[in-house]
Amino acid sequence: AVARALALAPAVEVEAGDGAGAHGA
């Protein structure tokens, strides 16, 4: 789960203004 979050963080942060995925990790 953590690995996926880190891998998806860049795209998620760019598409979602809040970048919850990246900041959460």
PDB file of N, CA and C in Angstrom:
ATOM      1  N   ALA A   1       0.851  -1.215   0.000  1.00  0.00           N
ATOM      2  CA  ALA A   1       0.000   0.000   0.000  1.00  0.00           C
ATOM      3  C   ALA A   1       0.876   1.250   0.000  1.00  0.00           C
ATOM      4  N   VAL A   2       1.873   1.258   0.880  1.00  0.00           N
ATOM      5  CA  VAL A   2       2.753   2.426   0.955  1.00  0.00           C
ATOM      6  C   VAL A   2       3.495   2.610  -0.361  1.00  0.00           C
ATOM      7  N   ALA A   3       3.980   1.523  -0.925  1.00  0.00           N
ATOM      8  CA  ALA A   3       4.715   1.603  -2.190  1.00  0.00           C
ATOM      9  C   ALA A   3       3.845   2.212  -3.274  1.00  0.00           C
ATOM     10  N   ARG A   4       2.589   1.783  -3.325  1.00  0.00           N
ATOM     11  CA  ARG A   4       1.681   2.333  -4.341  1.00  0.00           C
ATOM     12  C   ARG A   4       1.472   3.821  -4.109  1.00  0.00           C
ATOM     13  N   ALA A   5       1.289   4.206  -2.876  1.00  0.00           N
ATOM     14  CA  ALA A   5       1.067   5.622  -2.561  1.00  0.00           C
ATOM     15  C   ALA A   5       2.259   6.462  -3.011  1.00  0.00           C
ATOM     16  N   LEU A   6       3.457   5.984  -2.741  1.00  0.00           N
ATOM     17  CA  LEU A   6       4.653   6.726  -3.133  1.00  0.00           C
ATOM     18  C   LEU A   6       4.789   6.767  -4.648  1.00  0.00           C
ATOM     19  N   ALA A   7       4.435   5.667  -5.308  1.00  0.00           N
ATOM     20  CA  ALA A   7       4.559   5.602  -6.764  1.00  0.00           C
ATOM     21  C   ALA A   7       3.538   6.513  -7.437  1.00  0.00           C
ATOM     22  N   LEU A   8       2.343   6.591  -6.851  1.00  0.00           N
ATOM     23  CA  LEU A   8       1.281   7.392  -7.455  1.00  0.00           C
ATOM     24  C   LEU A   8       1.305   8.842  -6.976  1.00  0.00           C
ATOM     25  N   ALA A   9       2.039   9.109  -5.939  1.00  0.00           N
ATOM     26  CA  ALA A   9       2.056  10.449  -5.353  1.00  0.00           C
ATOM     27  C   ALA A   9       2.266  11.565  -6.385  1.00  0.00           C
ATOM     28  N   PRO A  10       3.275  11.497  -7.245  1.00  0.00           N
ATOM     29  CA  PRO A  10       3.516  12.594  -8.204  1.00  0.00           C
ATOM     30  C   PRO A  10       2.291  12.913  -9.046  1.00  0.00           C
ATOM     31  N   ALA A  11       1.685  11.905  -9.661  1.00  0.00           N
ATOM     32  CA  ALA A  11       0.527  12.134 -10.526  1.00  0.00           C
ATOM     33  C   ALA A  11      -0.654  12.641  -9.715  1.00  0.00           C
ATOM     34  N   VAL A  12      -0.873  12.053  -8.550  1.00  0.00           N
ATOM     35  CA  VAL A  12      -2.011  12.448  -7.715  1.00  0.00           C
ATOM     36  C   VAL A  12      -1.857  13.893  -7.263  1.00  0.00           C
ATOM     37  N   GLU A  13      -0.658  14.257  -6.879  1.00  0.00           N
ATOM     38  CA  GLU A  13      -0.446  15.615  -6.378  1.00  0.00           C
ATOM     39  C   GLU A  13      -0.700  16.638  -7.480  1.00  0.00           C
ATOM     40  N   VAL A  14      -0.295  16.310  -8.698  1.00  0.00           N
ATOM     41  CA  VAL A  14      -0.471  17.243  -9.812  1.00  0.00           C
ATOM     42  C   VAL A  14      -1.945  17.364 -10.175  1.00  0.00           C
ATOM     43  N   GLU A  15      -2.646  16.220 -10.227  1.00  0.00           N
ATOM     44  CA  GLU A  15      -4.052  16.254 -10.637  1.00  0.00           C
ATOM     45  C   GLU A  15      -4.941  16.783  -9.513  1.00  0.00           C
ATOM     46  N   ALA A  16      -4.619  16.410  -8.279  1.00  0.00           N
ATOM     47  CA  ALA A  16      -5.415  16.885  -7.145  1.00  0.00           C
ATOM     48  C   ALA A  16      -4.663  18.032  -6.472  1.00  0.00           C
ATOM     49  N   GLY A  17      -5.246  19.183  -6.451  1.00  0.00           N
ATOM     50  CA  GLY A  17      -4.565  20.359  -5.918  1.00  0.00           C
ATOM     51  C   GLY A  17      -4.028  20.143  -4.508  1.00  0.00           C
ATOM     52  N   ASP A  18      -4.779  19.439  -3.668  1.00  0.00           N
ATOM     53  CA  ASP A  18      -4.358  19.239  -2.287  1.00  0.00           C
ATOM     54  C   ASP A  18      -3.154  18.305  -2.197  1.00  0.00           C
ATOM     55  N   GLY A  19      -3.014  17.370  -3.127  1.00  0.00           N
ATOM     56  CA  GLY A  19      -1.905  16.427  -3.083  1.00  0.00           C
ATOM     57  C   GLY A  19      -1.948  15.594  -1.825  1.00  0.00           C
ATOM     58  N   ALA A  20      -3.115  15.120  -1.450  1.00  0.00           N
ATOM     59  CA  ALA A  20      -3.281  14.357  -0.216  1.00  0.00           C
ATOM     60  C   ALA A  20      -2.393  13.118  -0.223  1.00  0.00           C
ATOM     61  N   GLY A  21      -2.301  12.449  -1.350  1.00  0.00           N
ATOM     62  CA  GLY A  21      -1.509  11.225  -1.431  1.00  0.00           C
ATOM     63  C   GLY A  21      -0.056  11.475  -1.059  1.00  0.00           C
ATOM     64  N   ALA A  22       0.540  12.485  -1.683  1.00  0.00           N
ATOM     65  CA  ALA A  22       1.951  12.749  -1.439  1.00  0.00           C
ATOM     66  C   ALA A  22       2.177  13.289  -0.030  1.00  0.00           C
ATOM     67  N   HIS A  23       1.361  14.257   0.386  1.00  0.00           N
ATOM     68  CA  HIS A  23       1.555  14.861   1.694  1.00  0.00           C
ATOM     69  C   HIS A  23       1.228  13.880   2.816  1.00  0.00           C
ATOM     70  N   GLY A  24       0.273  12.988   2.556  1.00  0.00           N
ATOM     71  CA  GLY A  24      -0.083  12.010   3.581  1.00  0.00           C
ATOM     72  C   GLY A  24       1.079  11.068   3.855  1.00  0.00           C
ATOM     73  N   ALA A  25       1.800  10.706   2.790  1.00  0.00           N
ATOM     74  CA  ALA A  25       2.905   9.780   2.955  1.00  0.00           C
ATOM     75  C   ALA A  25       4.114  10.537   3.525  1.00  0.00           C
TER      76      ALA A  25
END
